[in-house]
């Protein structure tokens, strides 16, 4: 009898739904002006780089992260003004927190619901953890379809409903009136609502304080858009009893001492990161004006560090930008509502100038 091949072993041991899906795609970016991943484009000033290096050099990397994460939780609670009676837990980026929620809420027949187009990890996490995922299309202007959302909540009684606030990839804040009604409807069905505030440094609204009046609402944030995408650190806030339950499925020591110390350093220098966010918001305004002036280009409103634009031929524009050394995200294939759309990260003034010139030449 012939020994089984590796393909035979994969077919027998790896789940079929995993074999038939695609992993999260990351574009090679070396040598490009990188405007595809909503990163903060600013490096720390040299004096803060030296201070961070010295601080990380003093970290006891021979010990498991215990006190460092306790200190970081307290610092984040102070920084965000966490309401009384609420707690937070840390994750290795928001992605891990989304996965922890999928594990914790995977009761028999559990459903996860989210508007589409939205952050792809909601659906990916649901499917990999065995939850049914229900996506509800947004309206053509990318606001919530309130009637459709309420009907889906009534029909499916979701355990988890995600509201990205602002949304990714559309960058807009949804109607507050619609959100209020959706939050109330999920509450009546005994489900949870997760307000994903990944882009909070650039947004004009937050649910963090309102969460105190809604025990079934969680607020999720990340330090990636704050300026620490390479550190991979997210946090989930909610009423203490609810956070304690989710915390039971969190792996021990899931955030390293180096990540925790880098995050503490960033909070100690929050004024520098606030300055950077202010520059990016000003650049966002300038970039939107430049895009509106281009024939055939439609930029959509943004409350994030990205701008969704519709162009006459997104494939041609994407390839033209790439040929001119500028990398953006071509998202037209993610959902029918995104036909001929590109997602542009707001970069430095110089990077934005290059992108504007390259896009104009590529149309």
Foldseek 3Di string as FASTA:
>chain_A
DDDDDPVRVCVPPPDPVVVPDDDDDDDDAPQFLEWADQFLFDDDDPVLVVVLVVLLVPDPQVDFDDVLQVVLQVLVCVVVVFDPQKGKDKALAVLRVLLLVLQLQCDPQAEEEEEPPFDPSNVVSCVVSVHHYDYHYAPLLRARPLVSLLVCCVVRLHQEYEDEQPTPPAQDGHDPVSVVVNLVSNVVSVHAYEHEDAQVLQAPDDCRVVLVVRQRYKYKYACRNLRPVVLRMIMIMHRPVVNVSSVVSDDPSNHRSSSSSVSVSCSVVSVVSSVSSVQLNVLVVVLQVLQVPAPQKDWRDHSGQKIKIAHPALVQLQVQSVVLRHHHARCCPVDVSSNRITITGRYHPVSSVSSSVSSSVRD
